[in-house]
C-alpha atoms as a PDB file:
ATOM      1  CA  UNK A   1      29.629   0.704 -29.671  1.00  0.00           C
ATOM      2  CA  UNK A   2      30.646  -0.508 -26.199  1.00  0.00           C
ATOM      3  CA  UNK A   3      30.452   3.012 -24.831  1.00  0.00           C
ATOM      4  CA  UNK A   4      26.900   3.373 -26.145  1.00  0.00           C
ATOM      5  CA  UNK A   5      25.845   0.044 -24.573  1.00  0.00           C
ATOM      6  CA  UNK A   6      27.496   1.036 -21.298  1.00  0.00           C
ATOM      7  CA  UNK A   7      25.740   4.410 -21.352  1.00  0.00           C
ATOM      8  CA  UNK A   8      22.364   2.710 -21.927  1.00  0.00           C
ATOM      9  CA  UNK A   9      23.020   0.248 -19.082  1.00  0.00           C
ATOM     10  CA  UNK A  10      24.026   3.101 -16.753  1.00  0.00           C
ATOM     11  CA  UNK A  11      20.927   5.070 -17.704  1.00  0.00           C
ATOM     12  CA  UNK A  12      18.695   2.020 -17.056  1.00  0.00           C
ATOM     13  CA  UNK A  13      20.345   1.436 -13.642  1.00  0.00           C
ATOM     14  CA  UNK A  14      19.800   5.084 -12.757  1.00  0.00           C
ATOM     15  CA  UNK A  15      16.129   4.893 -13.812  1.00  0.00           C
ATOM     16  CA  UNK A  16      15.698   1.692 -11.774  1.00  0.00           C
ATOM     17  CA  UNK A  17      17.236   3.389  -8.732  1.00  0.00           C
ATOM     18  CA  UNK A  18      14.932   6.368  -9.149  1.00  0.00           C
ATOM     19  CA  UNK A  19      11.872   4.114  -9.506  1.00  0.00           C
ATOM     20  CA  UNK A  20      12.807   2.204  -6.348  1.00  0.00           C
ATOM     21  CA  UNK A  21      13.427   5.437  -4.434  1.00  0.00           C
ATOM     22  CA  UNK A  22      10.027   6.769  -5.503  1.00  0.00           C
ATOM     23  CA  UNK A  23       8.360   3.466  -4.530  1.00  0.00           C
ATOM     24  CA  UNK A  24       9.991   3.508  -1.093  1.00  0.00           C
ATOM     25  CA  UNK A  25       8.827   7.104  -0.643  1.00  0.00           C
ATOM     26  CA  UNK A  26       5.233   6.242  -1.644  1.00  0.00           C
ATOM     27  CA  UNK A  27       5.246   3.205   0.653  1.00  0.00           C
ATOM     28  CA  UNK A  28       6.590   5.285   3.553  1.00  0.00           C
ATOM     29  CA  UNK A  29       3.898   7.933   3.031  1.00  0.00           C
ATOM     30  CA  UNK A  30       1.162   5.304   2.805  1.00  0.00           C
ATOM     31  CA  UNK A  31       2.389   3.554   5.964  1.00  0.00           C
ATOM     32  CA  UNK A  32       2.591   6.878   7.770  1.00  0.00           C
ATOM     33  CA  UNK A  33      -0.998   7.726   6.815  1.00  0.00           C
ATOM     34  CA  UNK A  34      -2.148   4.310   8.042  1.00  0.00           C
ATOM     35  CA  UNK A  35      -0.176   4.564  11.284  1.00  0.00           C
ATOM     36  CA  UNK A  36       2.042   1.625  10.334  1.00  0.00           C
ATOM     37  CA  UNK A  37       5.524   1.506  11.842  1.00  0.00           C
ATOM     38  CA  UNK A  38       8.364  -0.724  10.736  1.00  0.00           C
ATOM     39  CA  UNK A  39      10.883  -2.175  13.155  1.00  0.00           C
ATOM     40  CA  UNK A  40      14.169  -3.832  12.336  1.00  0.00           C
ATOM     41  CA  UNK A  41      14.972  -6.625  14.742  1.00  0.00           C
ATOM     42  CA  UNK A  42      18.333  -8.373  14.672  1.00  0.00           C
ATOM     43  CA  UNK A  43      17.884 -12.123  15.155  1.00  0.00           C
ATOM     44  CA  UNK A  44      20.514 -14.778  15.700  1.00  0.00           C
ATOM     45  CA  UNK A  45      20.715 -17.699  13.286  1.00  0.00           C
ATOM     46  CA  UNK A  46      18.867 -19.883  15.802  1.00  0.00           C
ATOM     47  CA  UNK A  47      16.138 -17.278  16.305  1.00  0.00           C
ATOM     48  CA  UNK A  48      15.726 -16.878  12.531  1.00  0.00           C
ATOM     49  CA  UNK A  49      15.409 -20.630  12.073  1.00  0.00           C
ATOM     50  CA  UNK A  50      12.942 -20.830  14.951  1.00  0.00           C
ATOM     51  CA  UNK A  51      10.861 -18.003  13.475  1.00  0.00           C
ATOM     52  CA  UNK A  52      10.737 -19.782  10.108  1.00  0.00           C
ATOM     53  CA  UNK A  53       9.734 -23.040  11.825  1.00  0.00           C
ATOM     54  CA  UNK A  54       6.997 -21.323  13.833  1.00  0.00           C
ATOM     55  CA  UNK A  55       5.680 -19.500  10.758  1.00  0.00           C
ATOM     56  CA  UNK A  56       5.381 -22.821   8.945  1.00  0.00           C
ATOM     57  CA  UNK A  57       3.902 -24.683  11.920  1.00  0.00           C
ATOM     58  CA  UNK A  58       1.298 -22.079  12.856  1.00  0.00           C
ATOM     59  CA  UNK A  59       0.486 -21.070   9.285  1.00  0.00           C
ATOM     60  CA  UNK A  60      -1.401 -24.224   8.379  1.00  0.00           C
ATOM     61  CA  UNK A  61      -1.459 -24.967   4.642  1.00  0.00           C
ATOM     62  CA  UNK A  62       0.533 -21.798   3.877  1.00  0.00           C
ATOM     63  CA  UNK A  63       3.209 -20.482   6.258  1.00  0.00           C
ATOM     64  CA  UNK A  64       2.772 -17.091   7.870  1.00  0.00           C
ATOM     65  CA  UNK A  65       5.013 -14.296   6.658  1.00  0.00           C
ATOM     66  CA  UNK A  66       7.377 -13.321   9.494  1.00  0.00           C
ATOM     67  CA  UNK A  67       5.771  -9.872   9.903  1.00  0.00           C
ATOM     68  CA  UNK A  68       2.273 -11.396  10.001  1.00  0.00           C
ATOM     69  CA  UNK A  69       3.365 -13.972  12.584  1.00  0.00           C
ATOM     70  CA  UNK A  70       4.967 -11.339  14.827  1.00  0.00           C
ATOM     71  CA  UNK A  71       1.942  -9.031  14.544  1.00  0.00           C
ATOM     72  CA  UNK A  72      -0.306 -11.956  15.535  1.00  0.00           C
ATOM     73  CA  UNK A  73       1.895 -12.682  18.556  1.00  0.00           C
ATOM     74  CA  UNK A  74       1.630  -9.053  19.642  1.00  0.00           C
ATOM     75  CA  UNK A  75      -2.182  -9.069  19.364  1.00  0.00           C
ATOM     76  CA  UNK A  76      -2.405 -12.345  21.331  1.00  0.00           C
ATOM     77  CA  UNK A  77      -0.056 -11.073  24.033  1.00  0.00           C
ATOM     78  CA  UNK A  78      -2.125  -7.882  24.329  1.00  0.00           C
ATOM     79  CA  UNK A  79      -5.255  -9.957  24.963  1.00  0.00           C
ATOM     80  CA  UNK A  80      -3.393 -12.013  27.560  1.00  0.00           C
ATOM     81  CA  UNK A  81      -2.104  -8.885  29.337  1.00  0.00           C
ATOM     82  CA  UNK A  82      -5.594  -7.339  29.362  1.00  0.00           C
ATOM     83  CA  UNK A  83      -6.923 -10.501  31.022  1.00  0.00           C
ATOM     84  CA  UNK A  84      -4.082 -10.444  33.576  1.00  0.00           C
ATOM     85  CA  UNK A  85      -4.830  -6.816  34.417  1.00  0.00           C
ATOM     86  CA  UNK A  86      -8.461  -7.655  35.199  1.00  0.00           C
ATOM     87  CA  UNK A  87      -7.341 -10.079  37.907  1.00  0.00           C
ATOM     88  CA  UNK A  88      -4.568  -8.012  39.486  1.00  0.00           C
ATOM     89  CA  UNK A  89      -6.810  -5.665  41.451  1.00  0.00           C
ATOM     90  CA  UNK A  90      -4.889  -3.616  43.989  1.00  0.00           C
ATOM     91  CA  UNK A  91      -1.933  -4.084  46.287  1.00  0.00           C
ATOM     92  CA  UNK A  92      -3.044  -5.404  49.677  1.00  0.00           C
ATOM     93  CA  UNK A  93      -0.300  -3.395  51.362  1.00  0.00           C
ATOM     94  CA  UNK A  94      -0.511   0.083  49.790  1.00  0.00           C
ATOM     95  CA  UNK A  95      -4.039  -0.212  48.339  1.00  0.00           C
ATOM     96  CA  UNK A  96      -3.015   1.138  44.917  1.00  0.00           C
ATOM     97  CA  UNK A  97      -4.185  -0.386  41.605  1.00  0.00           C
ATOM     98  CA  UNK A  98      -1.800  -2.914  40.066  1.00  0.00           C
ATOM     99  CA  UNK A  99       0.538  -3.224  38.350  1.00  0.00           C
ATOM    100  CA  UNK A 100       1.327   0.498  38.124  1.00  0.00           C
ATOM    101  CA  UNK A 101      -0.006   1.613  41.509  1.00  0.00           C
ATOM    102  CA  UNK A 102       2.870   0.344  43.581  1.00  0.00           C
ATOM    103  CA  UNK A 103       5.236   2.152  41.257  1.00  0.00           C
ATOM    104  CA  UNK A 104       3.831   5.456  42.496  1.00  0.00           C
ATOM    105  CA  UNK A 105       3.586   6.707  38.902  1.00  0.00           C
ATOM    106  CA  UNK A 106       7.374   7.005  38.753  1.00  0.00           C
ATOM    107  CA  UNK A 107       8.251   3.604  37.358  1.00  0.00           C
ATOM    108  CA  UNK A 108      10.066   2.726  40.581  1.00  0.00           C
ATOM    109  CA  UNK A 109       8.299   0.499  43.134  1.00  0.00           C
ATOM    110  CA  UNK A 110       8.174   2.635  46.261  1.00  0.00           C
ATOM    111  CA  UNK A 111       7.921  -0.305  48.664  1.00  0.00           C
ATOM    112  CA  UNK A 112       9.847  -3.023  46.814  1.00  0.00           C
ATOM    113  CA  UNK A 113      11.619  -5.171  49.337  1.00  0.00           C
ATOM    114  CA  UNK A 114       8.894  -4.812  51.955  1.00  0.00           C
ATOM    115  CA  UNK A 115       7.503  -8.331  52.361  1.00  0.00           C
ATOM    116  CA  UNK A 116       3.871  -7.195  52.206  1.00  0.00           C
ATOM    117  CA  UNK A 117       4.358  -5.213  48.978  1.00  0.00           C
ATOM    118  CA  UNK A 118       2.971  -6.852  45.845  1.00  0.00           C
ATOM    119  CA  UNK A 119       6.137  -6.018  43.909  1.00  0.00           C
ATOM    120  CA  UNK A 120       8.308  -7.932  46.349  1.00  0.00           C
ATOM    121  CA  UNK A 121       6.178 -11.079  45.996  1.00  0.00           C
ATOM    122  CA  UNK A 122       4.502 -11.036  42.571  1.00  0.00           C
ATOM    123  CA  UNK A 123       6.091  -8.660  40.080  1.00  0.00           C
ATOM    124  CA  UNK A 124       8.309 -11.307  38.474  1.00  0.00           C
ATOM    125  CA  UNK A 125       5.212 -13.186  37.297  1.00  0.00           C
ATOM    126  CA  UNK A 126       4.468 -10.376  34.811  1.00  0.00           C
ATOM    127  CA  UNK A 127       7.816 -10.701  33.066  1.00  0.00           C
ATOM    128  CA  UNK A 128       8.146 -12.699  29.862  1.00  0.00           C
END
């Protein structure tokens, strides 16, 4: 009798595993079709607590889910960066558009260290 019960329990666990695997596969395909990407971000205990506090504080009557809160932060930061870009213009020294112009398309500021170069004076303001 015990063997039969154990066999049924094992079979149910196996079916549950298979159902979950199929669900994960469907979800992955759906996300792929929608262009949704998942990121795993390790957070310290303090960061996790802060995230939970911010989700509750900014969520109003119902707290944000962590993913929703982070996605909202990304959209807001994008708007802020777009506004910053409008006001950057060009480097007074090399005449190239900012912030990428002074980097000469290589990712390395070609005149960093030269006092007149925008990167020497202003680049740190763009950092978080």
